[in-house]
Amino acid sequence: MSETNLYPGLNLGGGHGEAHEQAESTVFGFWVFLMSDLIIFGILFASYASYLDPIGMAGGPGPQDLFDMKSVAIQTAFLLVGGTAYAGVSLAVKYETGRAKVIGWLLVCATLGTGFLFFEVKDFIDQAGKGGLPQASGWLSSYWALVGLHGIHVLSGIIWIGAMAAQILRRGLDDVVKVRLSMLGVFWHFLDLIWVGIFSFVFLVPLL
């Protein structure tokens, strides 16, 4: 493939030889896989919307009772800055600045992702203490399923980052590692995309 046919991801450039060629097709295939994940999130968004009324809330606590928008804003900042930080990984690999910088940027992303999860879990605990458990209403069931599934994805991404850091230490930045880092970048940015939808539709719309 030519350098003009680039898919979202690392886009290593022709100077990386086989890694560049393999990343183009592999990352595109990974995007297709993520579209199936997007369908699952789409179903959960639709389920959430269908319960977003007094009947769906079944007399239980609602958004005004449970949502801490300051915490949600902090979570959003952690996740979006973490997505931006992955650009450091991409540039460090593309311009071959050394494995230490790649690992450093990966650790920044993992730290920011962990901060996001800390505040999200804290919110879930606080909401449960106010009676906002999944079994309390259809709305709460859909809320926990949607936001919780995204949180599980973030945890998976952090584990993946740890695995990639270990592989870099063991193997260096060979072609296989470069392609895997490109896939991880797509996944990490996908989480940002889903969170923007959650922040806008799950948290903001019910409060407006």
N, C-alpha and C. Protein backbone atom coordinates (compact mmCIF):
# COMPACT_ATOMS: atom_id res chain seq x y z
N MET A 1 0.83 -1.20 0.00
CA MET A 1 0.00 0.00 0.00
C MET A 1 0.87 1.25 0.00
N SER A 2 0.38 2.29 -0.59
CA SER A 2 1.12 3.55 -0.61
C SER A 2 0.83 4.33 0.65
N GLU A 3 1.67 5.35 0.87
CA GLU A 3 1.51 6.15 2.08
C GLU A 3 0.27 7.02 2.03
N THR A 4 -0.38 7.12 0.85
CA THR A 4 -1.60 7.92 0.76
C THR A 4 -2.80 7.14 1.25
N ASN A 5 -2.66 5.82 1.37
CA ASN A 5 -3.77 4.99 1.83
C ASN A 5 -3.57 4.63 3.29
N LEU A 6 -3.75 5.62 4.14
CA LEU A 6 -3.49 5.41 5.56
C LEU A 6 -4.79 5.32 6.33
N TYR A 7 -4.82 4.41 7.29
CA TYR A 7 -5.97 4.25 8.14
C TYR A 7 -5.69 4.89 9.49
N PRO A 8 -6.75 5.18 10.28
CA PRO A 8 -6.51 5.76 11.60
C PRO A 8 -5.62 4.86 12.44
N GLY A 9 -4.70 5.45 13.15
CA GLY A 9 -3.80 4.66 13.97
C GLY A 9 -2.42 5.27 13.99
N LEU A 10 -1.41 4.44 14.01
CA LEU A 10 -0.06 4.92 14.19
C LEU A 10 0.53 5.55 12.92
N ASN A 11 0.21 4.98 11.73
CA ASN A 11 0.73 5.50 10.46
C ASN A 11 2.23 5.73 10.53
N LEU A 12 2.97 4.64 10.55
CA LEU A 12 4.39 4.69 10.82
C LEU A 12 5.19 5.40 9.73
N GLY A 13 4.78 5.26 8.50
CA GLY A 13 5.54 5.85 7.40
C GLY A 13 6.40 4.81 6.70
N GLY A 14 6.71 5.09 5.46
CA GLY A 14 7.44 4.12 4.64
C GLY A 14 8.79 3.74 5.20
N GLY A 15 9.41 4.59 6.01
CA GLY A 15 10.71 4.28 6.58
C GLY A 15 10.70 3.10 7.52
N HIS A 16 9.51 2.66 7.95
CA HIS A 16 9.40 1.52 8.87
C HIS A 16 9.16 0.21 8.13
N GLY A 17 9.20 0.25 6.82
CA GLY A 17 9.16 -0.97 6.02
C GLY A 17 7.94 -1.83 6.24
N GLU A 18 8.19 -3.11 6.57
CA GLU A 18 7.11 -4.08 6.70
C GLU A 18 6.13 -3.71 7.81
N ALA A 19 6.62 -3.09 8.86
CA ALA A 19 5.72 -2.69 9.96
C ALA A 19 4.68 -1.71 9.46
N HIS A 20 5.09 -0.78 8.60
CA HIS A 20 4.15 0.20 8.04
C HIS A 20 3.10 -0.50 7.18
N GLU A 21 3.55 -1.41 6.30
CA GLU A 21 2.62 -2.11 5.42
C GLU A 21 1.64 -2.97 6.22
N GLN A 22 2.15 -3.68 7.21
CA GLN A 22 1.29 -4.55 8.01
C GLN A 22 0.32 -3.73 8.86
N ALA A 23 0.79 -2.59 9.39
CA ALA A 23 -0.07 -1.78 10.25
C ALA A 23 -1.27 -1.26 9.50
N GLU A 24 -1.10 -0.90 8.23
CA GLU A 24 -2.23 -0.37 7.45
C GLU A 24 -3.38 -1.37 7.40
N SER A 25 -3.10 -2.60 6.99
CA SER A 25 -4.17 -3.59 6.85
C SER A 25 -4.67 -4.08 8.20
N THR A 26 -3.75 -4.28 9.16
CA THR A 26 -4.15 -4.81 10.46
C THR A 26 -5.00 -3.81 11.24
N VAL A 27 -4.58 -2.54 11.20
CA VAL A 27 -5.35 -1.52 11.93
C VAL A 27 -6.73 -1.34 11.32
N PHE A 28 -6.82 -1.41 10.00
CA PHE A 28 -8.13 -1.32 9.36
C PHE A 28 -9.02 -2.47 9.82
N GLY A 29 -8.47 -3.68 9.87
CA GLY A 29 -9.24 -4.83 10.35
C GLY A 29 -9.67 -4.65 11.80
N PHE A 30 -8.79 -4.05 12.60
CA PHE A 30 -9.14 -3.82 14.00
C PHE A 30 -10.26 -2.79 14.12
N TRP A 31 -10.25 -1.78 13.26
CA TRP A 31 -11.36 -0.82 13.22
C TRP A 31 -12.67 -1.54 12.93
N VAL A 32 -12.66 -2.45 11.98
CA VAL A 32 -13.87 -3.20 11.65
C VAL A 32 -14.35 -3.98 12.86
N PHE A 33 -13.41 -4.60 13.59
CA PHE A 33 -13.77 -5.32 14.82
C PHE A 33 -14.41 -4.39 15.83
N LEU A 34 -13.84 -3.19 15.99
CA LEU A 34 -14.39 -2.25 16.97
C LEU A 34 -15.79 -1.78 16.60
N MET A 35 -16.14 -1.84 15.33
CA MET A 35 -17.49 -1.45 14.94
C MET A 35 -18.52 -2.40 15.54
N SER A 36 -18.16 -3.66 15.74
CA SER A 36 -19.09 -4.58 16.42
C SER A 36 -19.27 -4.17 17.87
N ASP A 37 -18.18 -3.69 18.47
CA ASP A 37 -18.25 -3.17 19.84
C ASP A 37 -19.12 -1.91 19.88
N LEU A 38 -19.01 -1.10 18.86
CA LEU A 38 -19.81 0.12 18.78
C LEU A 38 -21.30 -0.21 18.71
N ILE A 39 -21.64 -1.30 18.04
CA ILE A 39 -23.05 -1.72 17.96
C ILE A 39 -23.58 -2.05 19.37
N ILE A 40 -22.75 -2.73 20.16
CA ILE A 40 -23.16 -3.06 21.53
C ILE A 40 -23.42 -1.79 22.32
N PHE A 41 -22.50 -0.83 22.21
CA PHE A 41 -22.70 0.44 22.92
C PHE A 41 -23.94 1.16 22.39
N GLY A 42 -24.18 1.07 21.08
CA GLY A 42 -25.36 1.70 20.51
C GLY A 42 -26.64 1.13 21.09
N ILE A 43 -26.68 -0.18 21.28
CA ILE A 43 -27.85 -0.83 21.88
C ILE A 43 -28.05 -0.34 23.32
N LEU A 44 -26.95 -0.21 24.05
CA LEU A 44 -27.05 0.26 25.44
C LEU A 44 -27.47 1.73 25.51
N PHE A 45 -27.00 2.54 24.57
CA PHE A 45 -27.45 3.94 24.51
C PHE A 45 -28.96 3.98 24.25
N ALA A 46 -29.44 3.15 23.33
CA ALA A 46 -30.88 3.12 23.02
C ALA A 46 -31.68 2.65 24.22
N SER A 47 -31.16 1.65 24.94
CA SER A 47 -31.83 1.17 26.14
C SER A 47 -31.90 2.27 27.20
N TYR A 48 -30.81 2.99 27.37
CA TYR A 48 -30.79 4.09 28.33
C TYR A 48 -31.83 5.14 27.96
N ALA A 49 -31.92 5.48 26.69
CA ALA A 49 -32.88 6.50 26.24
C ALA A 49 -34.31 6.05 26.49
N SER A 50 -34.57 4.76 26.32
CA SER A 50 -35.94 4.27 26.48
C SER A 50 -36.42 4.32 27.93
N TYR A 51 -35.47 4.31 28.88
CA TYR A 51 -35.83 4.35 30.30
C TYR A 51 -35.73 5.75 30.90
N LEU A 52 -35.39 6.73 30.08
CA LEU A 52 -35.15 8.07 30.60
C LEU A 52 -36.46 8.85 30.74
N ASP A 53 -37.32 8.34 31.61
CA ASP A 53 -38.60 9.00 31.90
C ASP A 53 -39.06 8.53 33.28
N PRO A 54 -40.08 9.16 33.85
CA PRO A 54 -40.52 8.77 35.21
C PRO A 54 -40.88 7.29 35.33
N ILE A 55 -41.47 6.72 34.27
CA ILE A 55 -41.83 5.30 34.33
C ILE A 55 -40.57 4.44 34.43
N GLY A 56 -39.57 4.77 33.61
CA GLY A 56 -38.33 4.01 33.63
C GLY A 56 -37.58 4.13 34.94
N MET A 57 -37.77 5.26 35.62
CA MET A 57 -37.07 5.45 36.89
C MET A 57 -37.82 4.81 38.06
N ALA A 58 -39.07 4.42 37.83
CA ALA A 58 -39.83 3.62 38.79
C ALA A 58 -39.87 4.21 40.19
N GLY A 59 -39.88 5.53 40.28
CA GLY A 59 -39.95 6.16 41.59
C GLY A 59 -38.65 6.16 42.36
N GLY A 60 -37.59 5.63 41.76
CA GLY A 60 -36.30 5.58 42.45
C GLY A 60 -35.50 6.86 42.22
N PRO A 61 -34.29 6.91 42.72
CA PRO A 61 -33.46 8.11 42.53
C PRO A 61 -33.15 8.33 41.05
N GLY A 62 -33.07 9.60 40.65
CA GLY A 62 -32.82 9.95 39.27
C GLY A 62 -31.51 10.69 39.11
N PRO A 63 -31.25 11.22 37.92
CA PRO A 63 -29.99 11.91 37.65
C PRO A 63 -29.70 13.06 38.62
N GLN A 64 -30.73 13.84 38.95
CA GLN A 64 -30.52 14.98 39.85
C GLN A 64 -30.08 14.52 41.24
N ASP A 65 -30.49 13.31 41.62
CA ASP A 65 -30.16 12.79 42.94
C ASP A 65 -28.77 12.13 42.98
N LEU A 66 -28.30 11.64 41.85
CA LEU A 66 -27.13 10.77 41.85
C LEU A 66 -25.89 11.35 41.20
N PHE A 67 -26.04 12.18 40.17
CA PHE A 67 -24.89 12.61 39.40
C PHE A 67 -24.08 13.70 40.10
N ASP A 68 -22.78 13.50 40.17
CA ASP A 68 -21.85 14.51 40.67
C ASP A 68 -21.09 15.03 39.46
N MET A 69 -21.53 16.16 38.92
CA MET A 69 -20.97 16.63 37.66
C MET A 69 -19.51 17.08 37.80
N LYS A 70 -19.12 17.48 38.99
CA LYS A 70 -17.71 17.82 39.18
C LYS A 70 -16.83 16.59 38.99
N SER A 71 -17.27 15.47 39.55
CA SER A 71 -16.54 14.22 39.39
C SER A 71 -16.55 13.77 37.93
N VAL A 72 -17.68 13.92 37.28
CA VAL A 72 -17.78 13.54 35.86
C VAL A 72 -16.84 14.39 35.01
N ALA A 73 -16.73 15.68 35.34
CA ALA A 73 -15.82 16.56 34.60
C ALA A 73 -14.37 16.13 34.81
N ILE A 74 -14.03 15.73 36.03
CA ILE A 74 -12.67 15.25 36.31
C ILE A 74 -12.39 13.98 35.51
N GLN A 75 -13.36 13.06 35.49
CA GLN A 75 -13.19 11.84 34.71
C GLN A 75 -12.97 12.15 33.24
N THR A 76 -13.75 13.10 32.73
CA THR A 76 -13.63 13.47 31.33
C THR A 76 -12.24 14.03 31.03
N ALA A 77 -11.74 14.87 31.93
CA ALA A 77 -10.41 15.44 31.74
C ALA A 77 -9.34 14.35 31.76
N PHE A 78 -9.43 13.43 32.70
CA PHE A 78 -8.46 12.34 32.76
C PHE A 78 -8.45 11.55 31.46
N LEU A 79 -9.63 11.20 30.96
CA LEU A 79 -9.69 10.32 29.80
C LEU A 79 -9.25 11.03 28.53
N LEU A 80 -9.69 12.27 28.34
CA LEU A 80 -9.34 12.99 27.11
C LEU A 80 -7.86 13.37 27.08
N VAL A 81 -7.32 13.75 28.24
CA VAL A 81 -5.88 14.03 28.28
C VAL A 81 -5.09 12.74 28.06
N GLY A 82 -5.62 11.62 28.57
CA GLY A 82 -4.97 10.34 28.33
C GLY A 82 -4.96 9.98 26.86
N GLY A 83 -6.06 10.30 26.15
CA GLY A 83 -6.10 10.07 24.71
C GLY A 83 -5.09 10.93 23.98
N THR A 84 -4.98 12.18 24.42
CA THR A 84 -3.99 13.08 23.81
C THR A 84 -2.57 12.59 24.08
N ALA A 85 -2.35 12.06 25.28
CA ALA A 85 -1.01 11.58 25.64
C ALA A 85 -0.56 10.43 24.75
N TYR A 86 -1.52 9.69 24.20
CA TYR A 86 -1.11 8.58 23.33
C TYR A 86 -0.43 9.08 22.06
N ALA A 87 -0.66 10.35 21.72
CA ALA A 87 0.08 10.93 20.59
C ALA A 87 1.58 10.89 20.87
N GLY A 88 1.96 11.01 22.14
CA GLY A 88 3.38 10.90 22.50
C GLY A 88 3.93 9.53 22.18
N VAL A 89 3.12 8.49 22.43
CA VAL A 89 3.53 7.13 22.07
C VAL A 89 3.73 7.03 20.57
N SER A 90 2.74 7.51 19.81
CA SER A 90 2.78 7.42 18.36
C SER A 90 4.00 8.13 17.79
N LEU A 91 4.25 9.34 18.27
CA LEU A 91 5.38 10.11 17.74
C LEU A 91 6.72 9.50 18.15
N ALA A 92 6.80 8.98 19.38
CA ALA A 92 8.04 8.36 19.83
C ALA A 92 8.38 7.13 19.01
N VAL A 93 7.35 6.36 18.61
CA VAL A 93 7.58 5.19 17.77
C VAL A 93 7.91 5.61 16.34
N LYS A 94 7.12 6.52 15.81
CA LYS A 94 7.29 6.93 14.41
C LYS A 94 8.67 7.52 14.16
N TYR A 95 9.15 8.36 15.09
CA TYR A 95 10.43 9.03 14.89
C TYR A 95 11.58 8.36 15.65
N GLU A 96 11.30 7.16 16.17
CA GLU A 96 12.33 6.28 16.74
C GLU A 96 13.19 7.01 17.79
N THR A 97 12.51 7.56 18.78
CA THR A 97 13.23 8.29 19.84
C THR A 97 13.66 7.39 21.00
N GLY A 98 13.36 6.10 20.90
CA GLY A 98 13.84 5.17 21.91
C GLY A 98 12.72 4.56 22.74
N ARG A 99 13.00 3.35 23.22
CA ARG A 99 11.96 2.62 23.96
C ARG A 99 11.60 3.29 25.28
N ALA A 100 12.55 3.99 25.90
CA ALA A 100 12.27 4.62 27.20
C ALA A 100 11.15 5.66 27.06
N LYS A 101 11.19 6.46 26.00
CA LYS A 101 10.15 7.47 25.80
C LYS A 101 8.81 6.82 25.49
N VAL A 102 8.82 5.75 24.72
CA VAL A 102 7.56 5.05 24.41
C VAL A 102 6.94 4.52 25.70
N ILE A 103 7.73 3.86 26.51
CA ILE A 103 7.23 3.32 27.77
C ILE A 103 6.77 4.46 28.68
N GLY A 104 7.50 5.55 28.70
CA GLY A 104 7.12 6.68 29.53
C GLY A 104 5.74 7.22 29.17
N TRP A 105 5.50 7.39 27.88
CA TRP A 105 4.20 7.88 27.44
C TRP A 105 3.10 6.85 27.72
N LEU A 106 3.42 5.57 27.57
CA LEU A 106 2.44 4.54 27.91
C LEU A 106 2.05 4.61 29.38
N LEU A 107 3.03 4.83 30.24
CA LEU A 107 2.74 4.93 31.67
C LEU A 107 1.91 6.16 32.00
N VAL A 108 2.15 7.25 31.26
CA VAL A 108 1.30 8.44 31.45
C VAL A 108 -0.15 8.10 31.11
N CYS A 109 -0.35 7.41 29.98
CA CYS A 109 -1.71 7.03 29.59
C CYS A 109 -2.35 6.12 30.63
N ALA A 110 -1.59 5.15 31.12
CA ALA A 110 -2.12 4.22 32.12
C ALA A 110 -2.47 4.94 33.42
N THR A 111 -1.64 5.89 33.81
CA THR A 111 -1.89 6.64 35.05
C THR A 111 -3.17 7.47 34.92
N LEU A 112 -3.34 8.13 33.79
CA LEU A 112 -4.55 8.93 33.58
C LEU A 112 -5.79 8.03 33.50
N GLY A 113 -5.66 6.88 32.87
CA GLY A 113 -6.77 5.93 32.82
C GLY A 113 -7.14 5.43 34.20
N THR A 114 -6.13 5.20 35.04
CA THR A 114 -6.37 4.75 36.41
C THR A 114 -7.08 5.84 37.21
N GLY A 115 -6.69 7.10 36.99
CA GLY A 115 -7.38 8.21 37.65
C GLY A 115 -8.84 8.27 37.25
N PHE A 116 -9.11 8.05 35.98
CA PHE A 116 -10.49 8.01 35.51
C PHE A 116 -11.27 6.93 36.24
N LEU A 117 -10.71 5.72 36.32
CA LEU A 117 -11.41 4.61 36.96
C LEU A 117 -11.62 4.87 38.44
N PHE A 118 -10.66 5.52 39.09
CA PHE A 118 -10.80 5.81 40.52
C PHE A 118 -12.05 6.64 40.78
N PHE A 119 -12.22 7.71 40.02
CA PHE A 119 -13.38 8.58 40.23
C PHE A 119 -14.68 7.90 39.78
N GLU A 120 -14.61 7.07 38.74
CA GLU A 120 -15.82 6.39 38.30
C GLU A 120 -16.29 5.39 39.35
N VAL A 121 -15.37 4.60 39.89
CA VAL A 121 -15.74 3.63 40.94
C VAL A 121 -16.24 4.37 42.18
N LYS A 122 -15.60 5.47 42.53
CA LYS A 122 -16.05 6.27 43.66
C LYS A 122 -17.49 6.73 43.45
N ASP A 123 -17.81 7.17 42.24
CA ASP A 123 -19.18 7.61 41.94
C ASP A 123 -20.16 6.45 42.08
N PHE A 124 -19.79 5.28 41.57
CA PHE A 124 -20.68 4.13 41.67
C PHE A 124 -20.95 3.78 43.13
N ILE A 125 -19.92 3.84 43.95
CA ILE A 125 -20.09 3.53 45.38
C ILE A 125 -21.01 4.56 46.04
N ASP A 126 -20.78 5.85 45.74
CA ASP A 126 -21.63 6.90 46.31
C ASP A 126 -23.07 6.75 45.85
N GLN A 127 -23.27 6.42 44.57
CA GLN A 127 -24.62 6.26 44.04
C GLN A 127 -25.32 5.07 44.66
N ALA A 128 -24.58 3.99 44.87
CA ALA A 128 -25.18 2.82 45.51
C ALA A 128 -25.61 3.15 46.94
N GLY A 129 -24.81 3.98 47.63
CA GLY A 129 -25.17 4.38 48.98
C GLY A 129 -26.41 5.24 49.05
N LYS A 130 -26.77 5.88 47.93
CA LYS A 130 -27.99 6.70 47.86
C LYS A 130 -29.18 5.92 47.31
N GLY A 131 -29.02 4.61 47.19
CA GLY A 131 -30.11 3.78 46.66
C GLY A 131 -30.07 3.63 45.16
N GLY A 132 -29.00 4.09 44.51
CA GLY A 132 -28.91 4.02 43.05
C GLY A 132 -28.32 2.72 42.57
N LEU A 133 -28.87 1.60 42.99
CA LEU A 133 -28.40 0.29 42.57
C LEU A 133 -29.08 -0.14 41.27
N PRO A 134 -28.46 -1.01 40.50
CA PRO A 134 -29.04 -1.41 39.21
C PRO A 134 -30.46 -1.96 39.31
N GLN A 135 -30.75 -2.68 40.40
CA GLN A 135 -32.07 -3.31 40.52
C GLN A 135 -33.17 -2.34 40.93
N ALA A 136 -32.81 -1.08 41.20
CA ALA A 136 -33.82 -0.12 41.66
C ALA A 136 -34.76 0.32 40.55
N SER A 137 -34.30 0.32 39.31
CA SER A 137 -35.16 0.75 38.20
C SER A 137 -34.53 0.34 36.88
N GLY A 138 -35.34 0.38 35.82
CA GLY A 138 -34.82 0.11 34.48
C GLY A 138 -33.78 1.13 34.08
N TRP A 139 -34.01 2.39 34.46
CA TRP A 139 -33.05 3.44 34.11
C TRP A 139 -31.69 3.18 34.75
N LEU A 140 -31.69 2.80 36.02
CA LEU A 140 -30.43 2.54 36.70
C LEU A 140 -29.75 1.29 36.14
N SER A 141 -30.52 0.29 35.76
CA SER A 141 -29.93 -0.90 35.14
C SER A 141 -29.19 -0.53 33.86
N SER A 142 -29.84 0.29 33.02
CA SER A 142 -29.22 0.69 31.76
C SER A 142 -28.04 1.61 32.00
N TYR A 143 -28.13 2.46 33.00
CA TYR A 143 -27.02 3.37 33.34
C TYR A 143 -25.78 2.58 33.77
N TRP A 144 -25.97 1.66 34.71
CA TRP A 144 -24.84 0.87 35.20
C TRP A 144 -24.24 0.01 34.08
N ALA A 145 -25.10 -0.54 33.22
CA ALA A 145 -24.60 -1.39 32.13
C ALA A 145 -23.76 -0.58 31.15
N LEU A 146 -24.25 0.59 30.75
CA LEU A 146 -23.56 1.41 29.75
C LEU A 146 -22.26 1.98 30.30
N VAL A 147 -22.34 2.68 31.43
CA VAL A 147 -21.15 3.31 31.99
C VAL A 147 -20.18 2.25 32.51
N GLY A 148 -20.71 1.20 33.10
CA GLY A 148 -19.85 0.12 33.61
C GLY A 148 -19.11 -0.60 32.50
N LEU A 149 -19.77 -0.84 31.36
CA LEU A 149 -19.11 -1.51 30.25
C LEU A 149 -17.96 -0.66 29.72
N HIS A 150 -18.18 0.65 29.65
CA HIS A 150 -17.09 1.52 29.22
C HIS A 150 -15.93 1.46 30.21
N GLY A 151 -16.25 1.44 31.51
CA GLY A 151 -15.20 1.34 32.52
C GLY A 151 -14.40 0.05 32.39
N ILE A 152 -15.08 -1.05 32.08
CA ILE A 152 -14.38 -2.32 31.88
C ILE A 152 -13.44 -2.22 30.68
N HIS A 153 -13.88 -1.51 29.64
CA HIS A 153 -13.02 -1.30 28.48
C HIS A 153 -11.77 -0.50 28.86
N VAL A 154 -11.96 0.53 29.69
CA VAL A 154 -10.80 1.32 30.12
C VAL A 154 -9.83 0.45 30.92
N LEU A 155 -10.36 -0.38 31.81
CA LEU A 155 -9.51 -1.30 32.57
C LEU A 155 -8.76 -2.23 31.63
N SER A 156 -9.45 -2.73 30.60
CA SER A 156 -8.80 -3.60 29.62
C SER A 156 -7.68 -2.86 28.90
N GLY A 157 -7.93 -1.59 28.58
CA GLY A 157 -6.91 -0.79 27.93
C GLY A 157 -5.68 -0.60 28.80
N ILE A 158 -5.88 -0.40 30.10
CA ILE A 158 -4.76 -0.23 31.03
C ILE A 158 -3.94 -1.53 31.10
N ILE A 159 -4.64 -2.66 31.17
CA ILE A 159 -3.94 -3.95 31.18
C ILE A 159 -3.16 -4.14 29.89
N TRP A 160 -3.76 -3.77 28.77
CA TRP A 160 -3.10 -3.86 27.47
C TRP A 160 -1.84 -2.98 27.44
N ILE A 161 -1.94 -1.77 28.00
CA ILE A 161 -0.78 -0.88 28.07
C ILE A 161 0.34 -1.54 28.86
N GLY A 162 -0.01 -2.14 30.00
CA GLY A 162 1.00 -2.83 30.80
C GLY A 162 1.66 -3.97 30.04
N ALA A 163 0.84 -4.71 29.28
CA ALA A 163 1.39 -5.82 28.49
C ALA A 163 2.33 -5.30 27.41
N MET A 164 1.97 -4.17 26.78
CA MET A 164 2.83 -3.61 25.74
C MET A 164 4.13 -3.09 26.32
N ALA A 165 4.08 -2.48 27.49
CA ALA A 165 5.31 -2.01 28.13
C ALA A 165 6.24 -3.18 28.41
N ALA A 166 5.66 -4.29 28.87
CA ALA A 166 6.47 -5.48 29.14
C ALA A 166 7.07 -6.04 27.85
N GLN A 167 6.29 -6.02 26.78
CA GLN A 167 6.80 -6.53 25.50
C GLN A 167 7.92 -5.65 24.96
N ILE A 168 7.79 -4.33 25.14
CA ILE A 168 8.85 -3.43 24.67
C ILE A 168 10.14 -3.70 25.44
N LEU A 169 10.03 -3.92 26.75
CA LEU A 169 11.22 -4.22 27.55
C LEU A 169 11.86 -5.53 27.11
N ARG A 170 11.03 -6.48 26.72
CA ARG A 170 11.54 -7.81 26.36
C ARG A 170 12.02 -7.89 24.93
N ARG A 171 11.23 -7.29 24.00
CA ARG A 171 11.50 -7.47 22.57
C ARG A 171 12.08 -6.24 21.90
N GLY A 172 11.94 -5.08 22.55
CA GLY A 172 12.30 -3.85 21.88
C GLY A 172 11.16 -3.41 20.96
N LEU A 173 11.43 -2.45 20.11
CA LEU A 173 10.41 -1.92 19.20
C LEU A 173 10.54 -2.61 17.84
N ASP A 174 10.25 -3.92 17.82
CA ASP A 174 10.29 -4.63 16.55
C ASP A 174 8.98 -4.41 15.79
N ASP A 175 8.87 -5.00 14.61
CA ASP A 175 7.70 -4.77 13.76
C ASP A 175 6.41 -5.21 14.44
N VAL A 176 6.44 -6.35 15.12
CA VAL A 176 5.24 -6.87 15.77
C VAL A 176 4.75 -5.90 16.86
N VAL A 177 5.68 -5.40 17.65
CA VAL A 177 5.31 -4.47 18.71
C VAL A 177 4.76 -3.18 18.14
N LYS A 178 5.34 -2.69 17.06
CA LYS A 178 4.85 -1.46 16.44
C LYS A 178 3.41 -1.60 15.97
N VAL A 179 3.10 -2.74 15.36
CA VAL A 179 1.73 -2.97 14.88
C VAL A 179 0.77 -3.07 16.06
N ARG A 180 1.18 -3.74 17.11
CA ARG A 180 0.32 -3.87 18.30
C ARG A 180 0.09 -2.51 18.96
N LEU A 181 1.11 -1.66 18.97
CA LEU A 181 0.94 -0.32 19.51
C LEU A 181 -0.04 0.50 18.68
N SER A 182 -0.04 0.28 17.38
CA SER A 182 -1.00 0.99 16.53
C SER A 182 -2.42 0.56 16.83
N MET A 183 -2.63 -0.74 17.08
CA MET A 183 -3.95 -1.23 17.43
C MET A 183 -4.39 -0.69 18.79
N LEU A 184 -3.46 -0.66 19.74
CA LEU A 184 -3.76 -0.12 21.06
C LEU A 184 -4.16 1.35 20.96
N GLY A 185 -3.49 2.11 20.09
CA GLY A 185 -3.84 3.51 19.90
C GLY A 185 -5.26 3.68 19.40
N VAL A 186 -5.66 2.85 18.45
CA VAL A 186 -7.03 2.91 17.95
C VAL A 186 -8.03 2.62 19.07
N PHE A 187 -7.74 1.60 19.87
CA PHE A 187 -8.63 1.23 20.97
C PHE A 187 -8.72 2.35 22.00
N TRP A 188 -7.58 2.94 22.35
CA TRP A 188 -7.55 3.99 23.37
C TRP A 188 -8.34 5.22 22.92
N HIS A 189 -8.24 5.57 21.63
CA HIS A 189 -9.01 6.71 21.13
C HIS A 189 -10.49 6.37 20.98
N PHE A 190 -10.79 5.11 20.72
CA PHE A 190 -12.18 4.65 20.65
C PHE A 190 -12.87 4.88 22.00
N LEU A 191 -12.16 4.65 23.09
CA LEU A 191 -12.73 4.87 24.42
C LEU A 191 -13.06 6.34 24.63
N ASP A 192 -12.23 7.24 24.10
CA ASP A 192 -12.54 8.67 24.17
C ASP A 192 -13.84 8.97 23.44
N LEU A 193 -13.98 8.40 22.25
CA LEU A 193 -15.17 8.63 21.44
C LEU A 193 -16.43 8.20 22.17
N ILE A 194 -16.40 7.01 22.76
CA ILE A 194 -17.57 6.52 23.49
C ILE A 194 -17.86 7.40 24.71
N TRP A 195 -16.81 7.83 25.40
CA TRP A 195 -17.02 8.65 26.59
C TRP A 195 -17.65 9.99 26.24
N VAL A 196 -17.26 10.58 25.11
CA VAL A 196 -17.89 11.84 24.70
C VAL A 196 -19.40 11.64 24.55
N GLY A 197 -19.81 10.50 23.99
CA GLY A 197 -21.23 10.19 23.88
C GLY A 197 -21.88 10.01 25.24
N ILE A 198 -21.19 9.31 26.15
CA ILE A 198 -21.73 9.10 27.50
C ILE A 198 -21.85 10.42 28.24
N PHE A 199 -20.80 11.23 28.18
CA PHE A 199 -20.82 12.52 28.87
C PHE A 199 -21.97 13.39 28.37
N SER A 200 -22.14 13.42 27.06
CA SER A 200 -23.15 14.30 26.47
C SER A 200 -24.57 13.77 26.71
N PHE A 201 -24.77 12.49 26.45
CA PHE A 201 -26.13 11.95 26.45
C PHE A 201 -26.56 11.41 27.81
N VAL A 202 -25.65 10.73 28.50
CA VAL A 202 -26.01 10.10 29.78
C VAL A 202 -26.03 11.12 30.91
N PHE A 203 -25.04 12.01 30.94
CA PHE A 203 -24.93 12.93 32.08
C PHE A 203 -25.54 14.30 31.82
N LEU A 204 -25.32 14.87 30.64
CA LEU A 204 -25.80 16.23 30.41
C LEU A 204 -27.28 16.30 30.05
N VAL A 205 -27.73 15.46 29.13
CA VAL A 205 -29.12 15.55 28.66
C VAL A 205 -30.13 15.44 29.78
N PRO A 206 -30.01 14.47 30.72
CA PRO A 206 -31.05 14.37 31.78
C PRO A 206 -31.10 15.59 32.70
N LEU A 207 -30.00 16.33 32.77
CA LEU A 207 -29.95 17.47 33.70
C LEU A 207 -30.37 18.78 33.04
N LEU A 208 -30.52 18.78 31.72
CA LEU A 208 -30.90 20.00 31.02
C LEU A 208 -32.42 20.21 31.06
